[in-house]
Protein backbone atom coordinates (compact mmCIF):
# COMPACT_ATOMS: atom_id res chain seq x y z
CA UNK A 1 0.00 0.00 0.00
CA UNK A 2 1.29 3.46 -0.92
CA UNK A 3 4.24 2.31 -3.08
CA UNK A 4 5.59 4.72 -5.68
CA UNK A 5 7.43 4.74 -8.98
CA UNK A 6 6.34 1.26 -10.09
CA UNK A 7 6.29 0.21 -13.74
CA UNK A 8 4.08 -2.69 -14.89
CA UNK A 9 4.87 -3.39 -18.54
CA UNK A 10 4.26 -6.29 -20.93
CA UNK A 11 2.41 -8.69 -18.64
CA UNK A 12 -0.59 -10.91 -19.43
CA UNK A 13 -2.95 -11.34 -16.48
CA UNK A 14 -5.74 -13.88 -16.90
CA UNK A 15 -8.39 -15.53 -14.77
CA UNK A 16 -7.89 -13.22 -11.81
CA UNK A 17 -10.40 -13.19 -8.98
CA UNK A 18 -11.05 -10.46 -6.47
CA UNK A 19 -13.84 -9.11 -4.30
CA UNK A 20 -16.56 -6.78 -5.42
CA UNK A 21 -14.73 -3.48 -5.81
CA UNK A 22 -15.22 -2.21 -2.27
CA UNK A 23 -12.52 -2.14 -1.06
CA UNK A 24 -11.55 -1.75 -4.67
CA UNK A 25 -9.02 -4.31 -5.87
CA UNK A 26 -8.04 -4.97 -9.48
CA UNK A 27 -5.92 -7.57 -11.22
CA UNK A 28 -3.46 -4.66 -11.35
CA UNK A 29 -4.01 -2.30 -8.43
CA UNK A 30 -2.01 0.77 -7.43
CA UNK A 31 -3.43 0.51 -3.89
CA UNK A 32 -3.09 4.19 -2.94
CA UNK A 33 0.35 4.36 -4.57
CA UNK A 34 1.84 7.15 -6.66
CA UNK A 35 3.57 7.60 -10.01
CA UNK A 36 2.84 4.18 -11.49
CA UNK A 37 3.22 3.48 -15.22
CA UNK A 38 0.97 0.65 -16.41
CA UNK A 39 1.52 0.00 -20.13
CA UNK A 40 1.40 -2.64 -22.85
CA UNK A 41 -0.34 -5.25 -20.68
CA UNK A 42 -3.16 -7.66 -21.48
CA UNK A 43 -5.73 -8.06 -18.71
CA UNK A 44 -8.54 -10.53 -19.43
CA UNK A 45 -11.06 -12.80 -17.78
CA UNK A 46 -11.10 -10.97 -14.46
CA UNK A 47 -14.19 -11.51 -12.34
CA UNK A 48 -14.10 -7.97 -10.89
CA UNK A 49 -11.92 -4.96 -11.85
CA UNK A 50 -9.19 -5.18 -14.48
CA UNK A 51 -6.99 -2.19 -13.57
CA UNK A 52 -7.56 -0.12 -10.42
CA UNK A 53 -5.78 3.25 -10.21
CA UNK A 54 -7.65 4.91 -7.35
CA UNK A 55 -7.45 5.51 -3.65
CA UNK A 56 -9.21 2.19 -2.88
CA UNK A 57 -11.56 3.94 -0.48
CA UNK A 58 -12.09 7.51 0.71
CA UNK A 59 -12.28 6.83 4.46
CA UNK A 60 -9.49 6.10 6.88
CA UNK A 61 -5.86 7.13 6.76
CA UNK A 62 -4.75 8.62 3.44
CA UNK A 63 -1.16 8.48 2.20
CA UNK A 64 0.71 11.80 1.92
CA UNK A 65 0.98 11.35 -1.87
CA UNK A 66 -1.22 9.30 -4.20
CA UNK A 67 -2.07 9.24 -7.87
CA UNK A 68 -0.16 10.69 -10.81
CA UNK A 69 -0.38 7.44 -12.77
CA UNK A 70 0.00 6.75 -16.49
CA UNK A 71 -2.17 3.97 -17.97
CA UNK A 72 -1.56 3.45 -21.69
CA UNK A 73 -1.68 0.90 -24.51
CA UNK A 74 -3.28 -1.88 -22.48
CA UNK A 75 -5.79 -4.43 -23.77
CA UNK A 76 -8.48 -5.01 -21.15
CA UNK A 77 -11.20 -7.51 -22.01
CA UNK A 78 -13.88 -9.66 -20.40
CA UNK A 79 -13.88 -8.13 -16.92
CA UNK A 80 -16.87 -8.71 -14.65
CA UNK A 81 -17.33 -5.25 -13.07
CA UNK A 82 -15.24 -2.85 -15.16
CA UNK A 83 -12.02 -2.58 -17.13
CA UNK A 84 -10.25 0.48 -15.71
CA UNK A 85 -11.49 2.39 -12.67
CA UNK A 86 -10.46 4.35 -9.63
CA UNK A 87 -11.95 6.42 -6.88
CA UNK A 88 -10.64 9.97 -6.88
CA UNK A 89 -8.99 11.86 -4.07
CA UNK A 90 -10.62 12.89 -0.83
CA UNK A 91 -10.32 16.18 0.99
CA UNK A 92 -9.43 18.40 -2.02
CA UNK A 93 -6.11 16.68 -2.75
CA UNK A 94 -4.34 16.63 -6.10
CA UNK A 95 -4.62 13.46 -8.12
CA UNK A 96 -3.14 13.29 -11.62
CA UNK A 97 -4.07 10.52 -14.02
CA UNK A 98 -3.31 10.00 -17.72
CA UNK A 99 -5.29 7.25 -19.46
CA UNK A 100 -4.59 6.95 -23.19
CA UNK A 101 -4.61 4.48 -26.10
CA UNK A 102 -6.16 1.58 -24.16
CA UNK A 103 -8.50 -0.94 -25.77
CA UNK A 104 -11.46 -2.01 -23.61
CA UNK A 105 -13.74 -4.83 -24.72
CA UNK A 106 -16.96 -5.67 -22.90
CA UNK A 107 -17.60 -9.12 -21.45
CA UNK A 108 -19.13 -11.48 -23.95
CA UNK A 109 -22.54 -12.89 -23.03
CA UNK A 110 -23.18 -16.37 -24.41
C-alpha atoms as a PDB file:
ATOM      1  CA  UNK A   1       0.000   0.000   0.000  1.00  0.00           C
ATOM      2  CA  UNK A   2       1.292   3.460  -0.924  1.00  0.00           C
ATOM      3  CA  UNK A   3       4.237   2.306  -3.079  1.00  0.00           C
ATOM      4  CA  UNK A   4       5.587   4.716  -5.678  1.00  0.00           C
ATOM      5  CA  UNK A   5       7.426   4.740  -8.978  1.00  0.00           C
ATOM      6  CA  UNK A   6       6.341   1.256 -10.086  1.00  0.00           C
ATOM      7  CA  UNK A   7       6.288   0.206 -13.741  1.00  0.00           C
ATOM      8  CA  UNK A   8       4.076  -2.691 -14.887  1.00  0.00           C
ATOM      9  CA  UNK A   9       4.866  -3.393 -18.539  1.00  0.00           C
ATOM     10  CA  UNK A  10       4.258  -6.287 -20.928  1.00  0.00           C
ATOM     11  CA  UNK A  11       2.409  -8.692 -18.636  1.00  0.00           C
ATOM     12  CA  UNK A  12      -0.586 -10.906 -19.430  1.00  0.00           C
ATOM     13  CA  UNK A  13      -2.947 -11.336 -16.480  1.00  0.00           C
ATOM     14  CA  UNK A  14      -5.742 -13.879 -16.896  1.00  0.00           C
ATOM     15  CA  UNK A  15      -8.393 -15.529 -14.772  1.00  0.00           C
ATOM     16  CA  UNK A  16      -7.892 -13.218 -11.811  1.00  0.00           C
ATOM     17  CA  UNK A  17     -10.399 -13.186  -8.979  1.00  0.00           C
ATOM     18  CA  UNK A  18     -11.049 -10.457  -6.468  1.00  0.00           C
ATOM     19  CA  UNK A  19     -13.836  -9.110  -4.299  1.00  0.00           C
ATOM     20  CA  UNK A  20     -16.564  -6.782  -5.416  1.00  0.00           C
ATOM     21  CA  UNK A  21     -14.726  -3.478  -5.815  1.00  0.00           C
ATOM     22  CA  UNK A  22     -15.224  -2.211  -2.275  1.00  0.00           C
ATOM     23  CA  UNK A  23     -12.522  -2.138  -1.056  1.00  0.00           C
ATOM     24  CA  UNK A  24     -11.548  -1.752  -4.666  1.00  0.00           C
ATOM     25  CA  UNK A  25      -9.023  -4.313  -5.867  1.00  0.00           C
ATOM     26  CA  UNK A  26      -8.043  -4.971  -9.476  1.00  0.00           C
ATOM     27  CA  UNK A  27      -5.920  -7.566 -11.225  1.00  0.00           C
ATOM     28  CA  UNK A  28      -3.463  -4.661 -11.352  1.00  0.00           C
ATOM     29  CA  UNK A  29      -4.009  -2.303  -8.427  1.00  0.00           C
ATOM     30  CA  UNK A  30      -2.014   0.773  -7.428  1.00  0.00           C
ATOM     31  CA  UNK A  31      -3.430   0.506  -3.885  1.00  0.00           C
ATOM     32  CA  UNK A  32      -3.087   4.185  -2.944  1.00  0.00           C
ATOM     33  CA  UNK A  33       0.349   4.357  -4.567  1.00  0.00           C
ATOM     34  CA  UNK A  34       1.839   7.150  -6.656  1.00  0.00           C
ATOM     35  CA  UNK A  35       3.571   7.603 -10.009  1.00  0.00           C
ATOM     36  CA  UNK A  36       2.843   4.182 -11.488  1.00  0.00           C
ATOM     37  CA  UNK A  37       3.219   3.478 -15.219  1.00  0.00           C
ATOM     38  CA  UNK A  38       0.968   0.652 -16.414  1.00  0.00           C
ATOM     39  CA  UNK A  39       1.522   0.001 -20.127  1.00  0.00           C
ATOM     40  CA  UNK A  40       1.395  -2.640 -22.851  1.00  0.00           C
ATOM     41  CA  UNK A  41      -0.344  -5.247 -20.681  1.00  0.00           C
ATOM     42  CA  UNK A  42      -3.158  -7.665 -21.481  1.00  0.00           C
ATOM     43  CA  UNK A  43      -5.733  -8.060 -18.711  1.00  0.00           C
ATOM     44  CA  UNK A  44      -8.536 -10.529 -19.425  1.00  0.00           C
ATOM     45  CA  UNK A  45     -11.058 -12.804 -17.780  1.00  0.00           C
ATOM     46  CA  UNK A  46     -11.101 -10.975 -14.460  1.00  0.00           C
ATOM     47  CA  UNK A  47     -14.193 -11.507 -12.339  1.00  0.00           C
ATOM     48  CA  UNK A  48     -14.103  -7.966 -10.888  1.00  0.00           C
ATOM     49  CA  UNK A  49     -11.924  -4.957 -11.851  1.00  0.00           C
ATOM     50  CA  UNK A  50      -9.192  -5.184 -14.484  1.00  0.00           C
ATOM     51  CA  UNK A  51      -6.990  -2.190 -13.570  1.00  0.00           C
ATOM     52  CA  UNK A  52      -7.556  -0.116 -10.424  1.00  0.00           C
ATOM     53  CA  UNK A  53      -5.778   3.249 -10.207  1.00  0.00           C
ATOM     54  CA  UNK A  54      -7.653   4.910  -7.355  1.00  0.00           C
ATOM     55  CA  UNK A  55      -7.454   5.513  -3.654  1.00  0.00           C
ATOM     56  CA  UNK A  56      -9.211   2.192  -2.880  1.00  0.00           C
ATOM     57  CA  UNK A  57     -11.559   3.943  -0.476  1.00  0.00           C
ATOM     58  CA  UNK A  58     -12.088   7.507   0.712  1.00  0.00           C
ATOM     59  CA  UNK A  59     -12.282   6.830   4.456  1.00  0.00           C
ATOM     60  CA  UNK A  60      -9.490   6.098   6.878  1.00  0.00           C
ATOM     61  CA  UNK A  61      -5.862   7.133   6.762  1.00  0.00           C
ATOM     62  CA  UNK A  62      -4.747   8.616   3.445  1.00  0.00           C
ATOM     63  CA  UNK A  63      -1.158   8.481   2.201  1.00  0.00           C
ATOM     64  CA  UNK A  64       0.707  11.798   1.919  1.00  0.00           C
ATOM     65  CA  UNK A  65       0.980  11.351  -1.873  1.00  0.00           C
ATOM     66  CA  UNK A  66      -1.224   9.302  -4.201  1.00  0.00           C
ATOM     67  CA  UNK A  67      -2.069   9.238  -7.871  1.00  0.00           C
ATOM     68  CA  UNK A  68      -0.160  10.692 -10.808  1.00  0.00           C
ATOM     69  CA  UNK A  69      -0.383   7.437 -12.772  1.00  0.00           C
ATOM     70  CA  UNK A  70       0.003   6.746 -16.493  1.00  0.00           C
ATOM     71  CA  UNK A  71      -2.170   3.965 -17.969  1.00  0.00           C
ATOM     72  CA  UNK A  72      -1.561   3.448 -21.692  1.00  0.00           C
ATOM     73  CA  UNK A  73      -1.680   0.904 -24.506  1.00  0.00           C
ATOM     74  CA  UNK A  74      -3.284  -1.883 -22.477  1.00  0.00           C
ATOM     75  CA  UNK A  75      -5.787  -4.430 -23.775  1.00  0.00           C
ATOM     76  CA  UNK A  76      -8.478  -5.011 -21.150  1.00  0.00           C
ATOM     77  CA  UNK A  77     -11.197  -7.508 -22.008  1.00  0.00           C
ATOM     78  CA  UNK A  78     -13.884  -9.663 -20.400  1.00  0.00           C
ATOM     79  CA  UNK A  79     -13.882  -8.128 -16.919  1.00  0.00           C
ATOM     80  CA  UNK A  80     -16.865  -8.714 -14.650  1.00  0.00           C
ATOM     81  CA  UNK A  81     -17.326  -5.253 -13.071  1.00  0.00           C
ATOM     82  CA  UNK A  82     -15.244  -2.850 -15.160  1.00  0.00           C
ATOM     83  CA  UNK A  83     -12.022  -2.577 -17.129  1.00  0.00           C
ATOM     84  CA  UNK A  84     -10.248   0.484 -15.706  1.00  0.00           C
ATOM     85  CA  UNK A  85     -11.489   2.391 -12.668  1.00  0.00           C
ATOM     86  CA  UNK A  86     -10.460   4.351  -9.634  1.00  0.00           C
ATOM     87  CA  UNK A  87     -11.952   6.425  -6.877  1.00  0.00           C
ATOM     88  CA  UNK A  88     -10.639   9.968  -6.879  1.00  0.00           C
ATOM     89  CA  UNK A  89      -8.985  11.855  -4.067  1.00  0.00           C
ATOM     90  CA  UNK A  90     -10.616  12.892  -0.826  1.00  0.00           C
ATOM     91  CA  UNK A  91     -10.323  16.180   0.988  1.00  0.00           C
ATOM     92  CA  UNK A  92      -9.430  18.400  -2.017  1.00  0.00           C
ATOM     93  CA  UNK A  93      -6.111  16.683  -2.747  1.00  0.00           C
ATOM     94  CA  UNK A  94      -4.341  16.635  -6.097  1.00  0.00           C
ATOM     95  CA  UNK A  95      -4.625  13.457  -8.120  1.00  0.00           C
ATOM     96  CA  UNK A  96      -3.140  13.286 -11.623  1.00  0.00           C
ATOM     97  CA  UNK A  97      -4.074  10.519 -14.025  1.00  0.00           C
ATOM     98  CA  UNK A  98      -3.314   9.999 -17.717  1.00  0.00           C
ATOM     99  CA  UNK A  99      -5.287   7.251 -19.456  1.00  0.00           C
ATOM    100  CA  UNK A 100      -4.588   6.951 -23.193  1.00  0.00           C
ATOM    101  CA  UNK A 101      -4.614   4.479 -26.101  1.00  0.00           C
ATOM    102  CA  UNK A 102      -6.162   1.579 -24.161  1.00  0.00           C
ATOM    103  CA  UNK A 103      -8.503  -0.941 -25.767  1.00  0.00           C
ATOM    104  CA  UNK A 104     -11.458  -2.007 -23.610  1.00  0.00           C
ATOM    105  CA  UNK A 105     -13.744  -4.833 -24.722  1.00  0.00           C
ATOM    106  CA  UNK A 106     -16.965  -5.673 -22.896  1.00  0.00           C
ATOM    107  CA  UNK A 107     -17.599  -9.123 -21.448  1.00  0.00           C
ATOM    108  CA  UNK A 108     -19.135 -11.480 -23.952  1.00  0.00           C
ATOM    109  CA  UNK A 109     -22.538 -12.892 -23.034  1.00  0.00           C
ATOM    110  CA  UNK A 110     -23.181 -16.370 -24.408  1.00  0.00           C
END
